[in-house]
PDB file of N, CA and C in Angstrom:
ATOM      1  N   MET A   1       0.896  -0.843  -0.298  1.00  0.00           N
ATOM      2  CA  MET A   1       0.148  -0.081   0.104  1.00  0.00           C
ATOM      3  C   MET A   1       0.535   1.492   0.115  1.00  0.00           C
ATOM      4  N   ARG A   2       0.198   2.377  -0.228  1.00  0.00           N
ATOM      5  CA  ARG A   2       1.221   3.491  -1.072  1.00  0.00           C
ATOM      6  C   ARG A   2       0.070   4.174  -0.224  1.00  0.00           C
ATOM      7  N   ALA A   3       0.580   5.884   0.275  1.00  0.00           N
ATOM      8  CA  ALA A   3       0.581   6.686   0.579  1.00  0.00           C
ATOM      9  C   ALA A   3      -1.477   7.318   0.243  1.00  0.00           C
ATOM     10  N   PHE A   4      -2.385   7.439   0.444  1.00  0.00           N
ATOM     11  CA  PHE A   4      -3.376   7.960  -0.285  1.00  0.00           C
ATOM     12  C   PHE A   4      -3.148   9.770  -1.582  1.00  0.00           C
ATOM     13  N   ASN A   5      -3.061   9.536  -2.516  1.00  0.00           N
ATOM     14  CA  ASN A   5      -3.141  10.617  -3.264  1.00  0.00           C
ATOM     15  C   ASN A   5      -4.608  10.745  -3.549  1.00  0.00           C
ATOM     16  N   LEU A   6      -4.257  12.250  -4.222  1.00  0.00           N
ATOM     17  CA  LEU A   6      -5.968  12.598  -4.076  1.00  0.00           C
ATOM     18  C   LEU A   6      -6.055  12.711  -6.063  1.00  0.00           C
ATOM     19  N   GLU A   7      -5.029  13.281  -6.257  1.00  0.00           N
ATOM     20  CA  GLU A   7      -4.643  13.359  -7.762  1.00  0.00           C
ATOM     21  C   GLU A   7      -5.056  12.381  -8.386  1.00  0.00           C
ATOM     22  N   GLU A   8      -4.046  11.570  -7.865  1.00  0.00           N
ATOM     23  CA  GLU A   8      -4.624   9.745  -8.965  1.00  0.00           C
ATOM     24  C   GLU A   8      -5.489   8.746  -8.751  1.00  0.00           C
ATOM     25  N   ALA A   9      -6.528   9.693  -7.239  1.00  0.00           N
ATOM     26  CA  ALA A   9      -7.670   9.034  -6.775  1.00  0.00           C
ATOM     27  C   ALA A   9      -8.633   9.290  -7.963  1.00  0.00           C
ATOM     28  N   LYS A  10      -8.194  10.472  -8.041  1.00  0.00           N
ATOM     29  CA  LYS A  10      -9.409  11.093  -9.374  1.00  0.00           C
ATOM     30  C   LYS A  10      -8.768  10.651 -10.719  1.00  0.00           C
ATOM     31  N   ALA A  11      -7.859   9.953 -11.240  1.00  0.00           N
ATOM     32  CA  ALA A  11      -7.154   9.672 -11.885  1.00  0.00           C
ATOM     33  C   ALA A  11      -8.133   8.499 -12.645  1.00  0.00           C
ATOM     34  N   GLY A  12      -8.476   7.621 -11.182  1.00  0.00           N
ATOM     35  CA  GLY A  12      -9.280   6.473 -11.284  1.00  0.00           C
ATOM     36  C   GLY A  12      -8.137   5.458 -11.171  1.00  0.00           C
ATOM     37  N   LYS A  13      -7.095   5.627 -10.449  1.00  0.00           N
ATOM     38  CA  LYS A  13      -6.382   4.290 -10.092  1.00  0.00           C
ATOM     39  C   LYS A  13      -6.998   3.635  -8.473  1.00  0.00           C
ATOM     40  N   PRO A  14      -6.707   2.853  -8.775  1.00  0.00           N
ATOM     41  CA  PRO A  14      -7.554   1.573  -7.847  1.00  0.00           C
ATOM     42  C   PRO A  14      -6.776   2.249  -6.757  1.00  0.00           C
ATOM     43  N   LEU A  15      -7.623   1.778  -5.387  1.00  0.00           N
ATOM     44  CA  LEU A  15      -7.697   2.119  -3.734  1.00  0.00           C
ATOM     45  C   LEU A  15      -8.219   1.212  -2.976  1.00  0.00           C
ATOM     46  N   ILE A  16      -7.606   1.176  -1.416  1.00  0.00           N
ATOM     47  CA  ILE A  16      -7.786   0.006  -0.929  1.00  0.00           C
ATOM     48  C   ILE A  16      -7.522   0.407   0.573  1.00  0.00           C
ATOM     49  N   THR A  17      -8.454  -0.101   1.282  1.00  0.00           N
ATOM     50  CA  THR A  17      -8.650   0.655   3.177  1.00  0.00           C
ATOM     51  C   THR A  17      -7.092  -0.272   4.029  1.00  0.00           C
ATOM     52  N   ARG A  18      -7.237   0.276   5.056  1.00  0.00           N
ATOM     53  CA  ARG A  18      -5.776  -0.152   5.548  1.00  0.00           C
ATOM     54  C   ARG A  18      -6.663  -1.949   6.148  1.00  0.00           C
ATOM     55  N   ASP A  19      -7.601  -2.119   6.037  1.00  0.00           N
ATOM     56  CA  ASP A  19      -7.797  -3.044   6.691  1.00  0.00           C
ATOM     57  C   ASP A  19      -8.199  -4.340   5.004  1.00  0.00           C
ATOM     58  N   GLY A  20      -7.648  -3.581   4.029  1.00  0.00           N
ATOM     59  CA  GLY A  20      -7.537  -4.561   2.674  1.00  0.00           C
ATOM     60  C   GLY A  20      -8.563  -4.930   1.428  1.00  0.00           C
ATOM     61  N   ARG A  21      -9.884  -3.482   2.389  1.00  0.00           N
ATOM     62  CA  ARG A  21     -10.886  -3.834   1.407  1.00  0.00           C
ATOM     63  C   ARG A  21     -10.861  -3.000   0.006  1.00  0.00           C
ATOM     64  N   ASP A  22     -10.993  -3.453  -1.287  1.00  0.00           N
ATOM     65  CA  ASP A  22     -11.172  -2.861  -2.614  1.00  0.00           C
ATOM     66  C   ASP A  22     -11.569  -1.373  -1.794  1.00  0.00           C
ATOM     67  N   ALA A  23     -11.651  -0.603  -2.468  1.00  0.00           N
ATOM     68  CA  ALA A  23     -12.306   1.231  -2.372  1.00  0.00           C
ATOM     69  C   ALA A  23     -12.452   1.815  -4.019  1.00  0.00           C
ATOM     70  N   LYS A  24     -13.372   2.533  -3.966  1.00  0.00           N
ATOM     71  CA  LYS A  24     -13.236   3.060  -4.998  1.00  0.00           C
ATOM     72  C   LYS A  24     -13.938   4.724  -5.396  1.00  0.00           C
ATOM     73  N   PHE A  25     -12.837   5.245  -5.832  1.00  0.00           N
ATOM     74  CA  PHE A  25     -12.976   7.058  -5.636  1.00  0.00           C
ATOM     75  C   PHE A  25     -14.629   7.832  -6.100  1.00  0.00           C
ATOM     76  N   ILE A  26     -15.438   8.226  -5.533  1.00  0.00           N
ATOM     77  CA  ILE A  26     -16.502   9.107  -6.213  1.00  0.00           C
ATOM     78  C   ILE A  26     -16.534  10.312  -6.053  1.00  0.00           C
ATOM     79  N   ALA A  27     -15.818  10.977  -5.079  1.00  0.00           N
ATOM     80  CA  ALA A  27     -15.772  12.265  -5.732  1.00  0.00           C
ATOM     81  C   ALA A  27     -15.062  13.820  -4.989  1.00  0.00           C
ATOM     82  N   TYR A  28     -14.814  14.356  -4.741  1.00  0.00           N
ATOM     83  CA  TYR A  28     -13.570  15.523  -3.938  1.00  0.00           C
ATOM     84  C   TYR A  28     -14.952  16.591  -4.380  1.00  0.00           C
ATOM     85  N   LEU A  29     -14.966  17.247  -2.866  1.00  0.00           N
ATOM     86  CA  LEU A  29     -16.059  18.422  -3.234  1.00  0.00           C
ATOM     87  C   LEU A  29     -15.155  19.507  -2.293  1.00  0.00           C
ATOM     88  N   PRO A  30     -14.064  20.059  -3.008  1.00  0.00           N
ATOM     89  CA  PRO A  30     -13.089  21.665  -2.372  1.00  0.00           C
ATOM     90  C   PRO A  30     -13.623  22.325  -1.593  1.00  0.00           C
ATOM     91  N   GLU A  31     -15.797  22.240  -1.305  1.00  0.00           N
ATOM     92  CA  GLU A  31     -16.236  23.369  -0.856  1.00  0.00           C
ATOM     93  C   GLU A  31     -16.315  22.624   0.823  1.00  0.00           C
ATOM     94  N   ALA A  32     -16.635  21.695   0.378  1.00  0.00           N
ATOM     95  CA  ALA A  32     -17.122  20.892   2.138  1.00  0.00           C
ATOM     96  C   ALA A  32     -16.244  21.923   2.800  1.00  0.00           C
ATOM     97  N   ASP A  33     -16.922  22.056   4.051  1.00  0.00           N
ATOM     98  CA  ASP A  33     -15.807  22.911   5.102  1.00  0.00           C
ATOM     99  C   ASP A  33     -15.774  22.381   6.091  1.00  0.00           C
ATOM    100  N   ASN A  34     -16.165  20.895   5.942  1.00  0.00           N
ATOM    101  CA  ASN A  34     -15.895  20.053   7.344  1.00  0.00           C
ATOM    102  C   ASN A  34     -14.704  19.142   7.695  1.00  0.00           C
ATOM    103  N   GLY A  35     -13.965  19.484   6.105  1.00  0.00           N
ATOM    104  CA  GLY A  35     -12.649  18.832   6.171  1.00  0.00           C
ATOM    105  C   GLY A  35     -12.673  17.875   5.567  1.00  0.00           C
ATOM    106  N   CYS A  36     -13.799  16.504   5.681  1.00  0.00           N
ATOM    107  CA  CYS A  36     -13.949  15.084   4.782  1.00  0.00           C
ATOM    108  C   CYS A  36     -14.852  15.980   3.456  1.00  0.00           C
ATOM    109  N   GLN A  37     -13.677  16.046   2.289  1.00  0.00           N
ATOM    110  CA  GLN A  37     -14.300  16.390   1.153  1.00  0.00           C
ATOM    111  C   GLN A  37     -13.876  15.467   0.061  1.00  0.00           C
ATOM    112  N   VAL A  38     -13.570  14.430   0.316  1.00  0.00           N
ATOM    113  CA  VAL A  38     -13.285  13.156  -0.401  1.00  0.00           C
ATOM    114  C   VAL A  38     -14.351  11.621  -0.371  1.00  0.00           C
ATOM    115  N   ILE A  39     -15.312  11.362  -0.892  1.00  0.00           N
ATOM    116  CA  ILE A  39     -16.253  10.494  -0.773  1.00  0.00           C
ATOM    117  C   ILE A  39     -15.705   9.308  -1.584  1.00  0.00           C
ATOM    118  N   ALA A  40     -15.426   8.255  -1.001  1.00  0.00           N
ATOM    119  CA  ALA A  40     -15.253   7.195  -1.705  1.00  0.00           C
ATOM    120  C   ALA A  40     -16.390   5.817  -1.511  1.00  0.00           C
ATOM    121  N   LEU A  41     -16.413   5.140  -2.092  1.00  0.00           N
ATOM    122  CA  LEU A  41     -17.201   3.310  -1.732  1.00  0.00           C
ATOM    123  C   LEU A  41     -16.962   2.298  -1.619  1.00  0.00           C
ATOM    124  N   VAL A  42     -16.904   1.928  -0.536  1.00  0.00           N
ATOM    125  CA  VAL A  42     -16.233   0.632   0.251  1.00  0.00           C
ATOM    126  C   VAL A  42     -17.013  -0.237   0.526  1.00  0.00           C
ATOM    127  N   GLU A  43     -17.044  -1.334  -0.369  1.00  0.00           N
ATOM    128  CA  GLU A  43     -17.947  -2.621  -0.797  1.00  0.00           C
ATOM    129  C   GLU A  43     -19.374  -1.286  -0.969  1.00  0.00           C
ATOM    130  N   LYS A  44     -20.454  -1.776   0.002  1.00  0.00           N
ATOM    131  CA  LYS A  44     -21.468  -1.108  -0.595  1.00  0.00           C
ATOM    132  C   LYS A  44     -21.710   0.148   0.344  1.00  0.00           C
ATOM    133  N   GLU A  45     -20.777   0.771   1.280  1.00  0.00           N
ATOM    134  CA  GLU A  45     -21.015   1.600   1.958  1.00  0.00           C
ATOM    135  C   GLU A  45     -20.140   3.199   1.447  1.00  0.00           C
ATOM    136  N   VAL A  46     -20.883   4.040   1.343  1.00  0.00           N
ATOM    137  CA  VAL A  46     -20.387   5.443   1.204  1.00  0.00           C
ATOM    138  C   VAL A  46     -19.570   5.841   2.338  1.00  0.00           C
ATOM    139  N   LEU A  47     -18.527   6.644   1.756  1.00  0.00           N
ATOM    140  CA  LEU A  47     -17.849   6.923   3.660  1.00  0.00           C
ATOM    141  C   LEU A  47     -16.989   8.489   3.261  1.00  0.00           C
ATOM    142  N   LEU A  48     -16.716   9.283   3.442  1.00  0.00           N
ATOM    143  CA  LEU A  48     -16.641  10.819   4.012  1.00  0.00           C
ATOM    144  C   LEU A  48     -15.054  10.533   4.586  1.00  0.00           C
ATOM    145  N   TYR A  49     -13.850  11.028   3.769  1.00  0.00           N
ATOM    146  CA  TYR A  49     -12.591  11.073   4.265  1.00  0.00           C
ATOM    147  C   TYR A  49     -11.797  12.406   4.488  1.00  0.00           C
ATOM    148  N   TYR A  50     -10.879  12.565   5.254  1.00  0.00           N
ATOM    149  CA  TYR A  50      -9.913  13.888   4.894  1.00  0.00           C
ATOM    150  C   TYR A  50      -9.187  13.580   3.146  1.00  0.00           C
ATOM    151  N   VAL A  51      -8.545  14.449   3.173  1.00  0.00           N
ATOM    152  CA  VAL A  51      -8.134  14.410   1.816  1.00  0.00           C
ATOM    153  C   VAL A  51      -6.509  13.653   1.822  1.00  0.00           C
ATOM    154  N   ILE A  52      -6.760  14.116   2.660  1.00  0.00           N
ATOM    155  CA  ILE A  52      -5.357  13.147   3.217  1.00  0.00           C
ATOM    156  C   ILE A  52      -5.523  11.190   2.840  1.00  0.00           C
ATOM    157  N   GLY A  53      -6.742  11.233   2.894  1.00  0.00           N
ATOM    158  CA  GLY A  53      -6.897   9.440   3.125  1.00  0.00           C
ATOM    159  C   GLY A  53      -7.332   9.047   4.463  1.00  0.00           C
ATOM    160  N   LYS A  54      -7.808  10.120   4.960  1.00  0.00           N
ATOM    161  CA  LYS A  54      -7.776   9.571   6.619  1.00  0.00           C
ATOM    162  C   LYS A  54      -9.823   9.469   6.075  1.00  0.00           C
ATOM    163  N   HIS A  55     -10.176   8.678   7.026  1.00  0.00           N
ATOM    164  CA  HIS A  55     -11.627   8.500   7.501  1.00  0.00           C
ATOM    165  C   HIS A  55     -12.065   8.905   9.111  1.00  0.00           C
ATOM    166  N   ALA A  56     -11.148   8.700   9.722  1.00  0.00           N
ATOM    167  CA  ALA A  56     -11.184   9.432  10.918  1.00  0.00           C
ATOM    168  C   ALA A  56     -10.133  10.243  11.523  1.00  0.00           C
ATOM    169  N   VAL A  57      -9.926  10.698  12.486  1.00  0.00           N
ATOM    170  CA  VAL A  57      -9.041  11.791  13.488  1.00  0.00           C
ATOM    171  C   VAL A  57      -7.701  10.763  13.827  1.00  0.00           C
ATOM    172  N   MET A  58      -8.261   9.612  14.232  1.00  0.00           N
ATOM    173  CA  MET A  58      -7.302   8.813  15.025  1.00  0.00           C
ATOM    174  C   MET A  58      -5.850   8.221  14.282  1.00  0.00           C
ATOM    175  N   ASP A  59      -5.316   8.291  14.853  1.00  0.00           N
ATOM    176  CA  ASP A  59      -3.955   7.340  13.812  1.00  0.00           C
ATOM    177  C   ASP A  59      -4.296   6.604  13.199  1.00  0.00           C
ATOM    178  N   GLU A  60      -4.558   5.841  13.484  1.00  0.00           N
ATOM    179  CA  GLU A  60      -5.182   4.485  12.057  1.00  0.00           C
ATOM    180  C   GLU A  60      -5.929   3.868  12.151  1.00  0.00           C
ATOM    181  N   TYR A  61      -6.938   3.744  11.217  1.00  0.00           N
ATOM    182  CA  TYR A  61      -8.181   3.162  11.292  1.00  0.00           C
ATOM    183  C   TYR A  61      -8.357   2.602  10.281  1.00  0.00           C
ATOM    184  N   PRO A  62      -8.798   1.261  10.293  1.00  0.00           N
ATOM    185  CA  PRO A  62      -9.000  -0.032   9.436  1.00  0.00           C
ATOM    186  C   PRO A  62      -9.617   0.759   7.994  1.00  0.00           C
ATOM    187  N   LYS A  63     -10.539   1.904   8.199  1.00  0.00           N
ATOM    188  CA  LYS A  63     -11.228   2.403   6.424  1.00  0.00           C
ATOM    189  C   LYS A  63     -10.007   3.412   5.506  1.00  0.00           C
ATOM    190  N   ASP A  64      -9.160   3.629   6.817  1.00  0.00           N
ATOM    191  CA  ASP A  64      -8.374   4.935   6.073  1.00  0.00           C
ATOM    192  C   ASP A  64      -8.259   4.356   4.687  1.00  0.00           C
ATOM    193  N   LEU A  65      -7.939   5.505   3.479  1.00  0.00           N
ATOM    194  CA  LEU A  65      -7.300   4.988   2.220  1.00  0.00           C
ATOM    195  C   LEU A  65      -6.126   4.820   1.415  1.00  0.00           C
ATOM    196  N   PHE A  66      -5.582   4.128   0.884  1.00  0.00           N
ATOM    197  CA  PHE A  66      -4.324   4.129   0.789  1.00  0.00           C
ATOM    198  C   PHE A  66      -4.307   3.405  -0.668  1.00  0.00           C
ATOM    199  N   MET A  67      -3.484   3.986  -1.599  1.00  0.00           N
ATOM    200  CA  MET A  67      -3.645   3.630  -3.373  1.00  0.00           C
ATOM    201  C   MET A  67      -2.938   2.004  -3.395  1.00  0.00           C
ATOM    202  N   LYS A  68      -3.457   1.431  -4.101  1.00  0.00           N
ATOM    203  CA  LYS A  68      -3.483   0.128  -4.130  1.00  0.00           C
ATOM    204  C   LYS A  68      -2.253   0.309  -5.104  1.00  0.00           C
ATOM    205  N   THR A  69      -1.448  -1.346  -4.892  1.00  0.00           N
ATOM    206  CA  THR A  69       0.092  -1.376  -5.584  1.00  0.00           C
ATOM    207  C   THR A  69      -0.027  -2.627  -6.026  1.00  0.00           C
ATOM    208  N   ALA A  70       0.451  -2.860  -6.937  1.00  0.00           N
ATOM    209  CA  ALA A  70       0.704  -4.019  -7.901  1.00  0.00           C
ATOM    210  C   ALA A  70       1.587  -4.874  -7.708  1.00  0.00           C
ATOM    211  N   LYS A  71       1.610  -6.308  -7.367  1.00  0.00           N
ATOM    212  CA  LYS A  71       2.663  -6.686  -7.171  1.00  0.00           C
ATOM    213  C   LYS A  71       3.214  -7.949  -8.447  1.00  0.00           C
ATOM    214  N   LYS A  72       4.122  -7.471  -8.893  1.00  0.00           N
ATOM    215  CA  LYS A  72       4.732  -8.101  -9.716  1.00  0.00           C
ATOM    216  C   LYS A  72       5.886  -9.380  -9.485  1.00  0.00           C
ATOM    217  N   ILE A  73       6.985  -9.948 -10.403  1.00  0.00           N
ATOM    218  CA  ILE A  73       7.518 -10.912 -10.053  1.00  0.00           C
ATOM    219  C   ILE A  73       9.200 -10.529 -11.204  1.00  0.00           C
ATOM    220  N   VAL A  74       9.922  -9.596 -10.208  1.00  0.00           N
ATOM    221  CA  VAL A  74      11.595  -9.661 -10.882  1.00  0.00           C
ATOM    222  C   VAL A  74      12.252 -10.287 -10.878  1.00  0.00           C
ATOM    223  N   TYR A  75      13.652 -10.425 -11.123  1.00  0.00           N
ATOM    224  CA  TYR A  75      14.908 -11.920 -11.406  1.00  0.00           C
ATOM    225  C   TYR A  75      16.261 -10.871 -10.415  1.00  0.00           C
ATOM    226  N   ALA A  76      16.279 -11.359 -10.000  1.00  0.00           N
ATOM    227  CA  ALA A  76      17.664 -10.573  -9.390  1.00  0.00           C
ATOM    228  C   ALA A  76      18.749 -11.326  -8.887  1.00  0.00           C
ATOM    229  N   ASN A  77      20.108 -10.735  -9.401  1.00  0.00           N
ATOM    230  CA  ASN A  77      21.814 -11.650  -9.357  1.00  0.00           C
ATOM    231  C   ASN A  77      22.070 -11.085  -8.227  1.00  0.00           C
ATOM    232  N   LEU A  78      22.742 -11.728  -8.079  1.00  0.00           N
ATOM    233  CA  LEU A  78      23.781 -11.391  -6.564  1.00  0.00           C
ATOM    234  C   LEU A  78      25.654 -11.848  -6.616  1.00  0.00           C
ATOM    235  N   TRP A  79      26.099 -11.177  -6.393  1.00  0.00           N
ATOM    236  CA  TRP A  79      27.422 -10.936  -6.718  1.00  0.00           C
ATOM    237  C   TRP A  79      28.625 -10.461  -5.973  1.00  0.00           C
ATOM    238  N   VAL A  80      29.662 -10.642  -5.566  1.00  0.00           N
ATOM    239  CA  VAL A  80      30.233 -10.578  -4.272  1.00  0.00           C
ATOM    240  C   VAL A  80      31.580  -9.995  -5.196  1.00  0.00           C
ATOM    241  N   ASP A  81      32.113  -8.623  -4.678  1.00  0.00           N
ATOM    242  CA  ASP A  81      33.284  -7.936  -5.768  1.00  0.00           C
ATOM    243  C   ASP A  81      34.109  -7.233  -4.080  1.00  0.00           C
ATOM    244  N   ARG A  82      35.579  -7.527  -3.937  1.00  0.00           N
ATOM    245  CA  ARG A  82      36.319  -7.351  -3.018  1.00  0.00           C
ATOM    246  C   ARG A  82      35.262  -7.310  -2.058  1.00  0.00           C
ATOM    247  N   GLY A  83      34.703  -8.411  -1.557  1.00  0.00           N
ATOM    248  CA  GLY A  83      33.821  -8.749   0.247  1.00  0.00           C
ATOM    249  C   GLY A  83      32.833  -7.899   0.163  1.00  0.00           C
ATOM    250  N   ARG A  84      31.980  -7.155  -0.630  1.00  0.00           N
ATOM    251  CA  ARG A  84      30.638  -6.433  -0.628  1.00  0.00           C
ATOM    252  C   ARG A  84      29.988  -6.745  -1.683  1.00  0.00           C
ATOM    253  N   SER A  85      28.733  -7.399  -1.335  1.00  0.00           N
ATOM    254  CA  SER A  85      28.060  -7.809  -1.571  1.00  0.00           C
ATOM    255  C   SER A  85      27.034  -6.820  -3.234  1.00  0.00           C
ATOM    256  N   ILE A  86      26.510  -6.831  -3.948  1.00  0.00           N
ATOM    257  CA  ILE A  86      26.203  -6.401  -5.340  1.00  0.00           C
ATOM    258  C   ILE A  86      24.917  -6.910  -6.165  1.00  0.00           C
ATOM    259  N   TRP A  87      24.034  -6.443  -5.944  1.00  0.00           N
ATOM    260  CA  TRP A  87      22.671  -6.954  -6.753  1.00  0.00           C
ATOM    261  C   TRP A  87      22.130  -5.944  -7.308  1.00  0.00           C
ATOM    262  N   GLY A  88      20.853  -6.818  -8.250  1.00  0.00           N
ATOM    263  CA  GLY A  88      20.599  -6.163  -9.063  1.00  0.00           C
ATOM    264  C   GLY A  88      19.425  -6.893  -9.506  1.00  0.00           C
ATOM    265  N   HIS A  89      18.217  -6.464 -10.698  1.00  0.00           N
ATOM    266  CA  HIS A  89      17.273  -7.449 -10.584  1.00  0.00           C
ATOM    267  C   HIS A  89      16.650  -6.712 -11.899  1.00  0.00           C
ATOM    268  N   HIS A  90      16.146  -7.778 -12.657  1.00  0.00           N
ATOM    269  CA  HIS A  90      15.778  -7.478 -14.080  1.00  0.00           C
ATOM    270  C   HIS A  90      14.286  -7.903 -13.796  1.00  0.00           C
ATOM    271  N   GLU A  91      14.066  -7.526 -15.319  1.00  0.00           N
ATOM    272  CA  GLU A  91      12.323  -7.397 -15.424  1.00  0.00           C
ATOM    273  C   GLU A  91      11.942  -8.989 -16.057  1.00  0.00           C
ATOM    274  N   THR A  92      13.242  -9.677 -16.477  1.00  0.00           N
ATOM    275  CA  THR A  92      12.712 -10.957 -16.909  1.00  0.00           C
ATOM    276  C   THR A  92      13.899 -11.542 -16.800  1.00  0.00           C
ATOM    277  N   GLU A  93      13.443 -13.548 -17.001  1.00  0.00           N
ATOM    278  CA  GLU A  93      15.020 -13.710 -16.434  1.00  0.00           C
ATOM    279  C   GLU A  93      15.668 -14.218 -17.106  1.00  0.00           C
ATOM    280  N   GLU A  94      15.440 -14.054 -18.294  1.00  0.00           N
ATOM    281  CA  GLU A  94      16.389 -14.356 -19.481  1.00  0.00           C
ATOM    282  C   GLU A  94      17.254 -12.794 -19.739  1.00  0.00           C
ATOM    283  N   LYS A  95      16.666 -11.935 -19.364  1.00  0.00           N
ATOM    284  CA  LYS A  95      17.680 -10.143 -19.081  1.00  0.00           C
ATOM    285  C   LYS A  95      18.590 -10.859 -17.671  1.00  0.00           C
ATOM    286  N   ALA A  96      18.219 -10.926 -16.733  1.00  0.00           N
ATOM    287  CA  ALA A  96      19.455 -11.570 -15.814  1.00  0.00           C
ATOM    288  C   ALA A  96      20.403 -12.620 -15.718  1.00  0.00           C
ATOM    289  N   LYS A  97      19.650 -13.274 -16.480  1.00  0.00           N
ATOM    290  CA  LYS A  97      20.624 -14.292 -16.934  1.00  0.00           C
ATOM    291  C   LYS A  97      21.373 -13.990 -18.171  1.00  0.00           C
ATOM    292  N   HIS A  98      21.666 -13.007 -18.926  1.00  0.00           N
ATOM    293  CA  HIS A  98      22.115 -11.990 -19.946  1.00  0.00           C
ATOM    294  C   HIS A  98      23.101 -11.764 -19.023  1.00  0.00           C
ATOM    295  N   ILE A  99      22.880 -10.966 -18.216  1.00  0.00           N
ATOM    296  CA  ILE A  99      23.499  -9.584 -17.241  1.00  0.00           C
ATOM    297  C   ILE A  99      24.375 -10.990 -16.245  1.00  0.00           C
ATOM    298  N   ALA A 100      24.232 -11.579 -16.424  1.00  0.00           N
ATOM    299  CA  ALA A 100      24.416 -12.679 -15.034  1.00  0.00           C
ATOM    300  C   ALA A 100      26.528 -13.178 -15.552  1.00  0.00           C
ATOM    301  N   GLY A 101      25.762 -12.979 -16.993  1.00  0.00           N
ATOM    302  CA  GLY A 101      27.234 -13.734 -17.897  1.00  0.00           C
ATOM    303  C   GLY A 101      28.409 -12.693 -18.496  1.00  0.00           C
ATOM    304  N   MET A 102      28.016 -11.298 -17.632  1.00  0.00           N
ATOM    305  CA  MET A 102      28.774  -9.921 -17.880  1.00  0.00           C
ATOM    306  C   MET A 102      29.218 -10.039 -16.670  1.00  0.00           C
ATOM    307  N   THR A 103      29.855 -10.674 -15.680  1.00  0.00           N
ATOM    308  CA  THR A 103      29.961 -10.287 -14.605  1.00  0.00           C
ATOM    309  C   THR A 103      31.589  -9.787 -14.316  1.00  0.00           C
ATOM    310  N   LEU A 104      32.297 -10.001 -15.398  1.00  0.00           N
ATOM    311  CA  LEU A 104      33.544  -8.770 -15.326  1.00  0.00           C
ATOM    312  C   LEU A 104      34.451  -9.014 -14.036  1.00  0.00           C
ATOM    313  N   GLY A 105      34.939 -10.531 -13.672  1.00  0.00           N
ATOM    314  CA  GLY A 105      35.654 -10.984 -12.737  1.00  0.00           C
ATOM    315  C   GLY A 105      35.126 -11.107 -11.084  1.00  0.00           C
ATOM    316  N   MET A 106      33.668 -10.613 -11.148  1.00  0.00           N
ATOM    317  CA  MET A 106      33.045 -10.328 -10.012  1.00  0.00           C
ATOM    318  C   MET A 106      32.821 -11.650 -10.085  1.00  0.00           C
ATOM    319  N   LYS A 107      32.142 -12.789  -8.229  1.00  0.00           N
ATOM    320  CA  LYS A 107      31.803 -13.466  -8.111  1.00  0.00           C
ATOM    321  C   LYS A 107      30.394 -13.860  -7.700  1.00  0.00           C
ATOM    322  N   ILE A 108      29.977 -14.684  -9.071  1.00  0.00           N
ATOM    323  CA  ILE A 108      28.266 -14.564  -8.919  1.00  0.00           C
ATOM    324  C   ILE A 108      27.917 -15.303  -8.112  1.00  0.00           C
ATOM    325  N   ILE A 109      26.815 -15.376  -7.144  1.00  0.00           N
ATOM    326  CA  ILE A 109      26.372 -15.831  -6.130  1.00  0.00           C
ATOM    327  C   ILE A 109      25.043 -16.433  -6.854  1.00  0.00           C
ATOM    328  N   ALA A 110      24.062 -15.743  -6.854  1.00  0.00           N
ATOM    329  CA  ALA A 110      23.029 -16.264  -7.344  1.00  0.00           C
ATOM    330  C   ALA A 110      22.349 -15.646  -8.862  1.00  0.00           C
ATOM    331  N   ILE A 111      21.915 -16.398  -9.463  1.00  0.00           N
ATOM    332  CA  ILE A 111      21.602 -15.871 -10.500  1.00  0.00           C
ATOM    333  C   ILE A 111      20.036 -16.262 -10.606  1.00  0.00           C
ATOM    334  N   ALA A 112      19.314 -14.975 -11.373  1.00  0.00           N
ATOM    335  CA  ALA A 112      17.773 -15.042 -11.697  1.00  0.00           C
ATOM    336  C   ALA A 112      16.560 -15.401 -10.549  1.00  0.00           C
ATOM    337  N   VAL A 113      16.853 -15.173  -9.431  1.00  0.00           N
ATOM    338  CA  VAL A 113      16.041 -15.815  -8.287  1.00  0.00           C
ATOM    339  C   VAL A 113      14.758 -14.574  -8.285  1.00  0.00           C
ATOM    340  N   PRO A 114      13.807 -15.194  -8.713  1.00  0.00           N
ATOM    341  CA  PRO A 114      12.874 -14.993  -8.649  1.00  0.00           C
ATOM    342  C   PRO A 114      12.004 -13.976  -7.246  1.00  0.00           C
ATOM    343  N   ILE A 115      11.854 -12.983  -7.672  1.00  0.00           N
ATOM    344  CA  ILE A 115      11.187 -11.979  -6.301  1.00  0.00           C
ATOM    345  C   ILE A 115      10.063 -11.627  -6.121  1.00  0.00           C
ATOM    346  N   GLU A 116       8.990 -11.056  -5.985  1.00  0.00           N
ATOM    347  CA  GLU A 116       7.784 -10.769  -5.731  1.00  0.00           C
ATOM    348  C   GLU A 116       8.113  -8.857  -4.862  1.00  0.00           C
ATOM    349  N   ILE A 117       7.774  -8.315  -5.375  1.00  0.00           N
ATOM    350  CA  ILE A 117       8.056  -6.885  -5.045  1.00  0.00           C
ATOM    351  C   ILE A 117       6.642  -5.849  -5.545  1.00  0.00           C
ATOM    352  N   GLU A 118       6.438  -5.029  -4.982  1.00  0.00           N
ATOM    353  CA  GLU A 118       5.100  -3.568  -5.141  1.00  0.00           C
ATOM    354  C   GLU A 118       5.425  -3.082  -5.512  1.00  0.00           C
ATOM    355  N   GLU A 119       4.295  -2.703  -6.514  1.00  0.00           N
ATOM    356  CA  GLU A 119       5.112  -1.304  -7.683  1.00  0.00           C
ATOM    357  C   GLU A 119       4.096   0.224  -6.741  1.00  0.00           C
TER     358      GLU A 119
END
């Protein structure tokens, strides 16, 4: 999860609540004077939010909004050079293997290890 971003939400980027429920941006009402200027749909419930994605004044609340992140697999290589660990990740297994073949004298420890990351 990434911090709520009003501009991204208005552009239709997916939202999620702190407790893992999908949410849908409905409207931004800058003229609202109670501080709750964002309206979102969480399941079948219409809720009001502050522009920072908070549902309540409390530090953390299960209904707070965040930007939903996508998970993807990348492929990591790990080398050791003069006692230092060096790593890099690549979009495809083939690219990771190709780069691993270009070690320039460094000792390769791992090639094309799949790792799941969030974008």
